[in-house]
């Protein structure tokens, strides 16, 4: 896997919604609708499914999330079980998820 861009990762996770979505798909692959339902149960709520989709695609673009197809269904899952950031050295510590 290629090296992740520090600024892009920090940017996408700086939003409360981005972090909530990342936590939602940490252990299970989920559809956009399932993620939106998770958010509705939490303190973070994105009103429109399109907003959840765009946030998920930003996480995919940053390299934190993988997009998987199962027939006509698209699911998203975290690539990492943990992330730490060193803002002085601008390095990311990434813990791989089990596949």
PDB file of N, CA and C in Angstrom:
ATOM      1  N   UNK A   1       0.850  -1.177   0.000  1.00  0.00           N
ATOM      2  CA  UNK A   1       0.000   0.000   0.000  1.00  0.00           C
ATOM      3  C   UNK A   1       0.894   1.238   0.000  1.00  0.00           C
ATOM      4  N   UNK A   2       0.483   2.241  -0.717  1.00  0.00           N
ATOM      5  CA  UNK A   2       1.274   3.461  -0.788  1.00  0.00           C
ATOM      6  C   UNK A   2       1.179   4.248   0.516  1.00  0.00           C
ATOM      7  N   UNK A   3       2.109   5.129   0.684  1.00  0.00           N
ATOM      8  CA  UNK A   3       2.165   5.963   1.880  1.00  0.00           C
ATOM      9  C   UNK A   3       1.005   6.961   1.860  1.00  0.00           C
ATOM     10  N   UNK A   4       0.369   7.135   3.010  1.00  0.00           N
ATOM     11  CA  UNK A   4      -0.755   8.054   3.106  1.00  0.00           C
ATOM     12  C   UNK A   4      -0.266   9.485   3.240  1.00  0.00           C
ATOM     13  N   UNK A   5      -1.021  10.405   2.694  1.00  0.00           N
ATOM     14  CA  UNK A   5      -0.709  11.825   2.777  1.00  0.00           C
ATOM     15  C   UNK A   5      -1.182  12.348   4.140  1.00  0.00           C
ATOM     16  N   UNK A   6      -0.251  12.815   4.944  1.00  0.00           N
ATOM     17  CA  UNK A   6      -0.548  13.276   6.303  1.00  0.00           C
ATOM     18  C   UNK A   6      -1.630  14.350   6.304  1.00  0.00           C
ATOM     19  N   UNK A   7      -1.476  15.364   5.479  1.00  0.00           N
ATOM     20  CA  UNK A   7      -2.431  16.474   5.455  1.00  0.00           C
ATOM     21  C   UNK A   7      -3.831  16.022   5.073  1.00  0.00           C
ATOM     22  N   UNK A   8      -3.917  15.129   4.106  1.00  0.00           N
ATOM     23  CA  UNK A   8      -5.219  14.646   3.654  1.00  0.00           C
ATOM     24  C   UNK A   8      -5.912  13.833   4.753  1.00  0.00           C
ATOM     25  N   UNK A   9      -5.160  12.986   5.442  1.00  0.00           N
ATOM     26  CA  UNK A   9      -5.723  12.180   6.527  1.00  0.00           C
ATOM     27  C   UNK A   9      -6.191  13.076   7.671  1.00  0.00           C
ATOM     28  N   UNK A  10      -5.349  14.018   8.068  1.00  0.00           N
ATOM     29  CA  UNK A  10      -5.720  14.930   9.162  1.00  0.00           C
ATOM     30  C   UNK A  10      -6.937  15.760   8.761  1.00  0.00           C
ATOM     31  N   UNK A  11      -6.978  16.207   7.518  1.00  0.00           N
ATOM     32  CA  UNK A  11      -8.101  17.011   7.043  1.00  0.00           C
ATOM     33  C   UNK A  11      -9.417  16.242   7.138  1.00  0.00           C
ATOM     34  N   UNK A  12      -9.436  15.013   6.658  1.00  0.00           N
ATOM     35  CA  UNK A  12     -10.679  14.241   6.649  1.00  0.00           C
ATOM     36  C   UNK A  12     -11.091  13.830   8.065  1.00  0.00           C
ATOM     37  N   UNK A  13     -10.126  13.591   8.946  1.00  0.00           N
ATOM     38  CA  UNK A  13     -10.462  13.189  10.315  1.00  0.00           C
ATOM     39  C   UNK A  13     -10.624  14.376  11.264  1.00  0.00           C
ATOM     40  N   UNK A  14     -10.381  15.576  10.776  1.00  0.00           N
ATOM     41  CA  UNK A  14     -10.563  16.753  11.624  1.00  0.00           C
ATOM     42  C   UNK A  14     -12.048  17.071  11.815  1.00  0.00           C
ATOM     43  N   UNK A  15     -12.875  16.552  10.924  1.00  0.00           N
ATOM     44  CA  UNK A  15     -14.320  16.748  11.024  1.00  0.00           C
ATOM     45  C   UNK A  15     -14.928  15.687  11.945  1.00  0.00           C
ATOM     46  N   UNK A  16     -15.799  16.122  12.837  1.00  0.00           N
ATOM     47  CA  UNK A  16     -16.464  15.195  13.751  1.00  0.00           C
ATOM     48  C   UNK A  16     -17.202  14.108  12.979  1.00  0.00           C
ATOM     49  N   UNK A  17     -17.830  14.480  11.881  1.00  0.00           N
ATOM     50  CA  UNK A  17     -18.563  13.501  11.074  1.00  0.00           C
ATOM     51  C   UNK A  17     -17.613  12.479  10.452  1.00  0.00           C
ATOM     52  N   UNK A  18     -16.439  12.922  10.009  1.00  0.00           N
ATOM     53  CA  UNK A  18     -15.452  12.002   9.430  1.00  0.00           C
ATOM     54  C   UNK A  18     -14.986  10.970  10.444  1.00  0.00           C
ATOM     55  N   UNK A  19     -14.741  11.423  11.677  1.00  0.00           N
ATOM     56  CA  UNK A  19     -14.323  10.493  12.731  1.00  0.00           C
ATOM     57  C   UNK A  19     -15.448   9.527  13.099  1.00  0.00           C
ATOM     58  N   UNK A  20     -16.683  10.029  13.166  1.00  0.00           N
ATOM     59  CA  UNK A  20     -17.824   9.170  13.503  1.00  0.00           C
ATOM     60  C   UNK A  20     -18.042   8.105  12.429  1.00  0.00           C
ATOM     61  N   UNK A  21     -17.903   8.492  11.180  1.00  0.00           N
ATOM     62  CA  UNK A  21     -18.059   7.536  10.078  1.00  0.00           C
ATOM     63  C   UNK A  21     -16.944   6.506  10.124  1.00  0.00           C
ATOM     64  N   UNK A  22     -15.716   6.949  10.366  1.00  0.00           N
ATOM     65  CA  UNK A  22     -14.579   6.025  10.454  1.00  0.00           C
ATOM     66  C   UNK A  22     -14.825   5.003  11.570  1.00  0.00           C
ATOM     67  N   UNK A  23     -15.309   5.468  12.730  1.00  0.00           N
ATOM     68  CA  UNK A  23     -15.604   4.549  13.838  1.00  0.00           C
ATOM     69  C   UNK A  23     -16.724   3.581  13.461  1.00  0.00           C
ATOM     70  N   UNK A  24     -17.697   4.037  12.709  1.00  0.00           N
ATOM     71  CA  UNK A  24     -18.833   3.205  12.318  1.00  0.00           C
ATOM     72  C   UNK A  24     -18.402   2.001  11.481  1.00  0.00           C
ATOM     73  N   UNK A  25     -17.391   2.178  10.653  1.00  0.00           N
ATOM     74  CA  UNK A  25     -16.962   1.100   9.752  1.00  0.00           C
ATOM     75  C   UNK A  25     -15.659   0.457  10.196  1.00  0.00           C
ATOM     76  N   UNK A  26     -15.283   0.700  11.435  1.00  0.00           N
ATOM     77  CA  UNK A  26     -14.015   0.182  11.952  1.00  0.00           C
ATOM     78  C   UNK A  26     -13.967  -1.343  11.939  1.00  0.00           C
ATOM     79  N   UNK A  27     -15.038  -1.991  12.340  1.00  0.00           N
ATOM     80  CA  UNK A  27     -15.016  -3.450  12.467  1.00  0.00           C
ATOM     81  C   UNK A  27     -15.884  -4.180  11.456  1.00  0.00           C
ATOM     82  N   UNK A  28     -16.827  -3.477  10.850  1.00  0.00           N
ATOM     83  CA  UNK A  28     -17.747  -4.122   9.915  1.00  0.00           C
ATOM     84  C   UNK A  28     -17.879  -3.305   8.634  1.00  0.00           C
ATOM     85  N   UNK A  29     -17.929  -4.009   7.517  1.00  0.00           N
ATOM     86  CA  UNK A  29     -18.204  -3.344   6.242  1.00  0.00           C
ATOM     87  C   UNK A  29     -19.675  -2.951   6.229  1.00  0.00           C
ATOM     88  N   UNK A  30     -19.958  -1.713   5.814  1.00  0.00           N
ATOM     89  CA  UNK A  30     -21.331  -1.209   5.829  1.00  0.00           C
ATOM     90  C   UNK A  30     -21.642  -0.433   4.560  1.00  0.00           C
ATOM     91  N   UNK A  31     -22.925  -0.412   4.230  1.00  0.00           N
ATOM     92  CA  UNK A  31     -23.403   0.402   3.119  1.00  0.00           C
ATOM     93  C   UNK A  31     -23.554   1.846   3.589  1.00  0.00           C
ATOM     94  N   UNK A  32     -23.774   2.748   2.651  1.00  0.00           N
ATOM     95  CA  UNK A  32     -24.007   4.155   2.987  1.00  0.00           C
ATOM     96  C   UNK A  32     -25.213   4.266   3.911  1.00  0.00           C
ATOM     97  N   UNK A  33     -26.267   3.536   3.608  1.00  0.00           N
ATOM     98  CA  UNK A  33     -27.485   3.583   4.418  1.00  0.00           C
ATOM     99  C   UNK A  33     -27.211   3.109   5.847  1.00  0.00           C
ATOM    100  N   UNK A  34     -26.449   2.038   6.005  1.00  0.00           N
ATOM    101  CA  UNK A  34     -26.128   1.526   7.338  1.00  0.00           C
ATOM    102  C   UNK A  34     -25.304   2.520   8.135  1.00  0.00           C
ATOM    103  N   UNK A  35     -24.363   3.186   7.473  1.00  0.00           N
ATOM    104  CA  UNK A  35     -23.557   4.206   8.147  1.00  0.00           C
ATOM    105  C   UNK A  35     -24.445   5.366   8.573  1.00  0.00           C
ATOM    106  N   UNK A  36     -25.347   5.782   7.690  1.00  0.00           N
ATOM    107  CA  UNK A  36     -26.252   6.884   8.025  1.00  0.00           C
ATOM    108  C   UNK A  36     -27.119   6.522   9.232  1.00  0.00           C
ATOM    109  N   UNK A  37     -27.590   5.286   9.289  1.00  0.00           N
ATOM    110  CA  UNK A  37     -28.388   4.839  10.434  1.00  0.00           C
ATOM    111  C   UNK A  37     -27.563   4.867  11.720  1.00  0.00           C
ATOM    112  N   UNK A  38     -26.288   4.463  11.638  1.00  0.00           N
ATOM    113  CA  UNK A  38     -25.396   4.537  12.808  1.00  0.00           C
ATOM    114  C   UNK A  38     -25.262   5.979  13.288  1.00  0.00           C
ATOM    115  N   UNK A  39     -25.092   6.888  12.339  1.00  0.00           N
ATOM    116  CA  UNK A  39     -24.920   8.297  12.695  1.00  0.00           C
ATOM    117  C   UNK A  39     -26.176   8.869  13.340  1.00  0.00           C
ATOM    118  N   UNK A  40     -27.336   8.426  12.880  1.00  0.00           N
ATOM    119  CA  UNK A  40     -28.596   8.911  13.457  1.00  0.00           C
ATOM    120  C   UNK A  40     -28.722   8.521  14.923  1.00  0.00           C
ATOM    121  N   UNK A  41     -28.111   7.399  15.302  1.00  0.00           N
ATOM    122  CA  UNK A  41     -28.145   6.935  16.685  1.00  0.00           C
ATOM    123  C   UNK A  41     -27.098   7.631  17.551  1.00  0.00           C
ATOM    124  N   UNK A  42     -26.150   8.282  16.924  1.00  0.00           N
ATOM    125  CA  UNK A  42     -25.098   8.967  17.669  1.00  0.00           C
ATOM    126  C   UNK A  42     -25.404  10.458  17.740  1.00  0.00           C
ATOM    127  N   UNK A  43     -24.478  11.195  18.311  1.00  0.00           N
ATOM    128  CA  UNK A  43     -24.654  12.645  18.417  1.00  0.00           C
ATOM    129  C   UNK A  43     -24.354  13.356  17.102  1.00  0.00           C
ATOM    130  N   UNK A  44     -23.766  12.642  16.149  1.00  0.00           N
ATOM    131  CA  UNK A  44     -23.434  13.214  14.847  1.00  0.00           C
ATOM    132  C   UNK A  44     -24.493  12.765  13.852  1.00  0.00           C
ATOM    133  N   UNK A  45     -25.041  13.697  13.142  1.00  0.00           N
ATOM    134  CA  UNK A  45     -26.059  13.327  12.165  1.00  0.00           C
ATOM    135  C   UNK A  45     -25.843  14.102  10.873  1.00  0.00           C
ATOM    136  N   UNK A  46     -25.710  13.372   9.802  1.00  0.00           N
ATOM    137  CA  UNK A  46     -25.686  13.975   8.481  1.00  0.00           C
ATOM    138  C   UNK A  46     -27.059  13.712   7.884  1.00  0.00           C
ATOM    139  N   UNK A  47     -27.746  14.770   7.552  1.00  0.00           N
ATOM    140  CA  UNK A  47     -29.157  14.691   7.180  1.00  0.00           C
ATOM    141  C   UNK A  47     -29.396  13.905   5.888  1.00  0.00           C
ATOM    142  N   UNK A  48     -28.497  14.042   4.950  1.00  0.00           N
ATOM    143  CA  UNK A  48     -28.722  13.444   3.637  1.00  0.00           C
ATOM    144  C   UNK A  48     -27.752  12.299   3.372  1.00  0.00           C
ATOM    145  N   UNK A  49     -28.255  11.253   2.740  1.00  0.00           N
ATOM    146  CA  UNK A  49     -27.419  10.102   2.402  1.00  0.00           C
ATOM    147  C   UNK A  49     -26.256  10.524   1.508  1.00  0.00           C
ATOM    148  N   UNK A  50     -26.494  11.502   0.644  1.00  0.00           N
ATOM    149  CA  UNK A  50     -25.429  11.987  -0.236  1.00  0.00           C
ATOM    150  C   UNK A  50     -24.262  12.559   0.567  1.00  0.00           C
ATOM    151  N   UNK A  51     -24.548  13.207   1.691  1.00  0.00           N
ATOM    152  CA  UNK A  51     -23.490  13.748   2.550  1.00  0.00           C
ATOM    153  C   UNK A  51     -22.654  12.630   3.153  1.00  0.00           C
ATOM    154  N   UNK A  52     -23.311  11.539   3.550  1.00  0.00           N
ATOM    155  CA  UNK A  52     -22.596  10.379   4.090  1.00  0.00           C
ATOM    156  C   UNK A  52     -21.738   9.765   2.992  1.00  0.00           C
ATOM    157  N   UNK A  53     -22.304   9.633   1.801  1.00  0.00           N
ATOM    158  CA  UNK A  53     -21.563   9.084   0.666  1.00  0.00           C
ATOM    159  C   UNK A  53     -20.306   9.917   0.385  1.00  0.00           C
ATOM    160  N   UNK A  54     -20.457  11.233   0.330  1.00  0.00           N
ATOM    161  CA  UNK A  54     -19.309  12.106   0.054  1.00  0.00           C
ATOM    162  C   UNK A  54     -18.239  11.981   1.134  1.00  0.00           C
ATOM    163  N   UNK A  55     -18.650  11.882   2.394  1.00  0.00           N
ATOM    164  CA  UNK A  55     -17.691  11.726   3.487  1.00  0.00           C
ATOM    165  C   UNK A  55     -16.966  10.384   3.379  1.00  0.00           C
ATOM    166  N   UNK A  56     -17.693   9.331   3.026  1.00  0.00           N
ATOM    167  CA  UNK A  56     -17.069   8.022   2.838  1.00  0.00           C
ATOM    168  C   UNK A  56     -16.069   8.054   1.684  1.00  0.00           C
ATOM    169  N   UNK A  57     -16.433   8.708   0.599  1.00  0.00           N
ATOM    170  CA  UNK A  57     -15.531   8.802  -0.547  1.00  0.00           C
ATOM    171  C   UNK A  57     -14.270   9.604  -0.208  1.00  0.00           C
ATOM    172  N   UNK A  58     -14.396  10.607   0.656  1.00  0.00           N
ATOM    173  CA  UNK A  58     -13.207  11.349   1.111  1.00  0.00           C
ATOM    174  C   UNK A  58     -12.290  10.434   1.920  1.00  0.00           C
ATOM    175  N   UNK A  59     -12.886   9.562   2.741  1.00  0.00           N
ATOM    176  CA  UNK A  59     -12.090   8.596   3.503  1.00  0.00           C
ATOM    177  C   UNK A  59     -11.410   7.594   2.576  1.00  0.00           C
ATOM    178  N   UNK A  60     -12.102   7.192   1.511  1.00  0.00           N
ATOM    179  CA  UNK A  60     -11.505   6.293   0.510  1.00  0.00           C
ATOM    180  C   UNK A  60     -10.348   7.006  -0.183  1.00  0.00           C
ATOM    181  N   UNK A  61     -10.569   8.238  -0.589  1.00  0.00           N
ATOM    182  CA  UNK A  61      -9.540   9.025  -1.271  1.00  0.00           C
ATOM    183  C   UNK A  61      -8.301   9.219  -0.396  1.00  0.00           C
ATOM    184  N   UNK A  62      -8.520   9.375   0.900  1.00  0.00           N
ATOM    185  CA  UNK A  62      -7.396   9.546   1.829  1.00  0.00           C
ATOM    186  C   UNK A  62      -6.662   8.234   2.079  1.00  0.00           C
ATOM    187  N   UNK A  63      -7.247   7.111   1.647  1.00  0.00           N
ATOM    188  CA  UNK A  63      -6.601   5.807   1.811  1.00  0.00           C
ATOM    189  C   UNK A  63      -6.932   5.117   3.124  1.00  0.00           C
ATOM    190  N   UNK A  64      -7.868   5.657   3.881  1.00  0.00           N
ATOM    191  CA  UNK A  64      -8.214   5.083   5.180  1.00  0.00           C
ATOM    192  C   UNK A  64      -9.286   3.999   5.095  1.00  0.00           C
ATOM    193  N   UNK A  65     -10.032   4.009   4.009  1.00  0.00           N
ATOM    194  CA  UNK A  65     -11.183   3.121   3.865  1.00  0.00           C
ATOM    195  C   UNK A  65     -11.115   2.422   2.520  1.00  0.00           C
ATOM    196  N   UNK A  66     -11.565   1.169   2.504  1.00  0.00           N
ATOM    197  CA  UNK A  66     -11.649   0.456   1.227  1.00  0.00           C
ATOM    198  C   UNK A  66     -13.117   0.297   0.850  1.00  0.00           C
ATOM    199  N   UNK A  67     -13.347   0.310  -0.433  1.00  0.00           N
ATOM    200  CA  UNK A  67     -14.687   0.200  -1.012  1.00  0.00           C
ATOM    201  C   UNK A  67     -14.782  -1.182  -1.644  1.00  0.00           C
ATOM    202  N   UNK A  68     -15.827  -1.928  -1.280  1.00  0.00           N
ATOM    203  CA  UNK A  68     -15.966  -3.295  -1.761  1.00  0.00           C
ATOM    204  C   UNK A  68     -17.320  -3.473  -2.438  1.00  0.00           C
ATOM    205  N   UNK A  69     -17.337  -4.242  -3.509  1.00  0.00           N
ATOM    206  CA  UNK A  69     -18.586  -4.535  -4.216  1.00  0.00           C
ATOM    207  C   UNK A  69     -18.982  -5.982  -3.960  1.00  0.00           C
ATOM    208  N   UNK A  70     -20.276  -6.159  -3.759  1.00  0.00           N
ATOM    209  CA  UNK A  70     -20.861  -7.489  -3.644  1.00  0.00           C
ATOM    210  C   UNK A  70     -22.114  -7.464  -4.498  1.00  0.00           C
ATOM    211  N   UNK A  71     -21.963  -7.833  -5.755  1.00  0.00           N
ATOM    212  CA  UNK A  71     -23.069  -7.708  -6.696  1.00  0.00           C
ATOM    213  C   UNK A  71     -23.350  -6.231  -6.932  1.00  0.00           C
ATOM    214  N   UNK A  72     -24.572  -5.810  -6.630  1.00  0.00           N
ATOM    215  CA  UNK A  72     -24.944  -4.402  -6.810  1.00  0.00           C
ATOM    216  C   UNK A  72     -24.726  -3.576  -5.545  1.00  0.00           C
ATOM    217  N   UNK A  73     -24.349  -4.241  -4.456  1.00  0.00           N
ATOM    218  CA  UNK A  73     -24.168  -3.568  -3.177  1.00  0.00           C
ATOM    219  C   UNK A  73     -22.725  -3.096  -3.031  1.00  0.00           C
ATOM    220  N   UNK A  74     -22.568  -1.864  -2.558  1.00  0.00           N
ATOM    221  CA  UNK A  74     -21.249  -1.316  -2.277  1.00  0.00           C
ATOM    222  C   UNK A  74     -21.149  -1.118  -0.769  1.00  0.00           C
ATOM    223  N   UNK A  75     -20.065  -1.640  -0.197  1.00  0.00           N
ATOM    224  CA  UNK A  75     -19.827  -1.483   1.236  1.00  0.00           C
ATOM    225  C   UNK A  75     -18.464  -0.842   1.452  1.00  0.00           C
ATOM    226  N   UNK A  76     -18.337  -0.204   2.599  1.00  0.00           N
ATOM    227  CA  UNK A  76     -17.106   0.476   2.984  1.00  0.00           C
ATOM    228  C   UNK A  76     -16.594  -0.127   4.279  1.00  0.00           C
ATOM    229  N   UNK A  77     -15.264  -0.273   4.387  1.00  0.00           N
ATOM    230  CA  UNK A  77     -14.646  -0.806   5.602  1.00  0.00           C
ATOM    231  C   UNK A  77     -13.313  -0.120   5.838  1.00  0.00           C
ATOM    232  N   UNK A  78     -13.019   0.120   7.086  1.00  0.00           N
ATOM    233  CA  UNK A  78     -11.754   0.738   7.455  1.00  0.00           C
ATOM    234  C   UNK A  78     -10.583  -0.167   7.089  1.00  0.00           C
ATOM    235  N   UNK A  79      -9.509   0.425   6.620  1.00  0.00           N
ATOM    236  CA  UNK A  79      -8.284  -0.328   6.355  1.00  0.00           C
ATOM    237  C   UNK A  79      -7.442  -0.473   7.621  1.00  0.00           C
ATOM    238  N   UNK A  80      -7.720   0.359   8.615  1.00  0.00           N
ATOM    239  CA  UNK A  80      -6.896   0.405   9.815  1.00  0.00           C
ATOM    240  C   UNK A  80      -7.745   0.304  11.076  1.00  0.00           C
ATOM    241  N   UNK A  81      -7.184  -0.329  12.090  1.00  0.00           N
ATOM    242  CA  UNK A  81      -7.892  -0.442  13.364  1.00  0.00           C
ATOM    243  C   UNK A  81      -7.534   0.706  14.293  1.00  0.00           C
ATOM    244  N   UNK A  82      -6.494   1.436  13.960  1.00  0.00           N
ATOM    245  CA  UNK A  82      -6.093   2.572  14.783  1.00  0.00           C
ATOM    246  C   UNK A  82      -5.198   3.517  14.015  1.00  0.00           C
ATOM    247  N   UNK A  83      -5.281   4.786  14.379  1.00  0.00           N
ATOM    248  CA  UNK A  83      -4.473   5.820  13.734  1.00  0.00           C
ATOM    249  C   UNK A  83      -3.967   6.756  14.813  1.00  0.00           C
ATOM    250  N   UNK A  84      -2.682   7.052  14.770  1.00  0.00           N
ATOM    251  CA  UNK A  84      -2.134   8.094  15.642  1.00  0.00           C
ATOM    252  C   UNK A  84      -1.360   9.058  14.758  1.00  0.00           C
ATOM    253  N   UNK A  85      -1.338  10.316  15.152  1.00  0.00           N
ATOM    254  CA  UNK A  85      -0.668  11.338  14.342  1.00  0.00           C
ATOM    255  C   UNK A  85       0.348  12.083  15.183  1.00  0.00           C
ATOM    256  N   UNK A  86       1.541  12.233  14.632  1.00  0.00           N
ATOM    257  CA  UNK A  86       2.598  13.037  15.249  1.00  0.00           C
ATOM    258  C   UNK A  86       2.634  14.350  14.467  1.00  0.00           C
ATOM    259  N   UNK A  87       2.087  15.405  15.067  1.00  0.00           N
ATOM    260  CA  UNK A  87       1.975  16.685  14.373  1.00  0.00           C
ATOM    261  C   UNK A  87       3.303  17.414  14.255  1.00  0.00           C
ATOM    262  N   UNK A  88       4.266  17.080  15.080  1.00  0.00           N
ATOM    263  CA  UNK A  88       5.589  17.713  14.992  1.00  0.00           C
ATOM    264  C   UNK A  88       6.342  17.162  13.783  1.00  0.00           C
ATOM    265  N   UNK A  89       6.377  15.844  13.680  1.00  0.00           N
ATOM    266  CA  UNK A  89       7.098  15.192  12.588  1.00  0.00           C
ATOM    267  C   UNK A  89       6.214  14.937  11.364  1.00  0.00           C
ATOM    268  N   UNK A  90       4.921  15.191  11.506  1.00  0.00           N
ATOM    269  CA  UNK A  90       3.940  14.922  10.452  1.00  0.00           C
ATOM    270  C   UNK A  90       4.026  13.477   9.954  1.00  0.00           C
ATOM    271  N   UNK A  91       3.926  12.569  10.920  1.00  0.00           N
ATOM    272  CA  UNK A  91       3.923  11.142  10.630  1.00  0.00           C
ATOM    273  C   UNK A  91       2.638  10.528  11.144  1.00  0.00           C
ATOM    274  N   UNK A  92       2.216   9.466  10.485  1.00  0.00           N
ATOM    275  CA  UNK A  92       1.036   8.724  10.913  1.00  0.00           C
ATOM    276  C   UNK A  92       1.461   7.366  11.433  1.00  0.00           C
ATOM    277  N   UNK A  93       0.864   6.953  12.547  1.00  0.00           N
ATOM    278  CA  UNK A  93       1.023   5.593  13.043  1.00  0.00           C
ATOM    279  C   UNK A  93      -0.256   4.854  12.706  1.00  0.00           C
ATOM    280  N   UNK A  94      -0.143   3.779  11.940  1.00  0.00           N
ATOM    281  CA  UNK A  94      -1.331   3.081  11.459  1.00  0.00           C
ATOM    282  C   UNK A  94      -1.294   1.625  11.930  1.00  0.00           C
ATOM    283  N   UNK A  95      -2.389   1.170  12.517  1.00  0.00           N
ATOM    284  CA  UNK A  95      -2.523  -0.218  12.938  1.00  0.00           C
ATOM    285  C   UNK A  95      -3.418  -0.902  11.913  1.00  0.00           C
ATOM    286  N   UNK A  96      -2.892  -1.930  11.290  1.00  0.00           N
ATOM    287  CA  UNK A  96      -3.654  -2.646  10.246  1.00  0.00           C
ATOM    288  C   UNK A  96      -4.801  -3.423  10.868  1.00  0.00           C
ATOM    289  N   UNK A  97      -5.911  -3.514  10.151  1.00  0.00           N
ATOM    290  CA  UNK A  97      -7.019  -4.368  10.571  1.00  0.00           C
ATOM    291  C   UNK A  97      -6.741  -5.764  10.068  1.00  0.00           C
ATOM    292  N   UNK A  98      -7.353  -6.746  10.728  1.00  0.00           N
ATOM    293  CA  UNK A  98      -7.238  -8.112  10.240  1.00  0.00           C
ATOM    294  C   UNK A  98      -8.109  -8.258   9.017  1.00  0.00           C
ATOM    295  N   UNK A  99      -7.659  -8.946   8.051  1.00  0.00           N
ATOM    296  CA  UNK A  99      -8.396  -9.076   6.790  1.00  0.00           C
ATOM    297  C   UNK A  99      -9.348 -10.218   6.801  1.00  0.00           C
TER     298      UNK A  99
END
